[in-house]
Amino acid sequence: MKRLSRAQRRERFLQLAADTFEELEAWYDAHPEASFGEIEAEARQKRRELMGQALAVLINGRDSGLVEAPCCSQCGSRMHFH
């Protein structure tokens, strides 16, 4: 990812959030009879995806030097942003 200004990172995050909202709207349109629990489960998944993307923008979009990826607590290998 190329280095982005603070304003560019903010705009990218807001776009990601808007995209997530639209995905949830589309999912709910396709599942109008979904229970609150089902809606919540879908929203939690989308939130996890959004936060991963937001962290990638925040960390990788900065020009603050290299950030070493953390190690996986289960296998010990370096983690990668997706």
Foldseek 3Di string as FASTA:
>chain_A
DEADDPVVLVVVLVVLVVVLVVVLVVVCVVVVPDDPVVSVVSNVVSVVVSVLVSVCSVPVNHPPDDDFADADPPPRHGDDRD
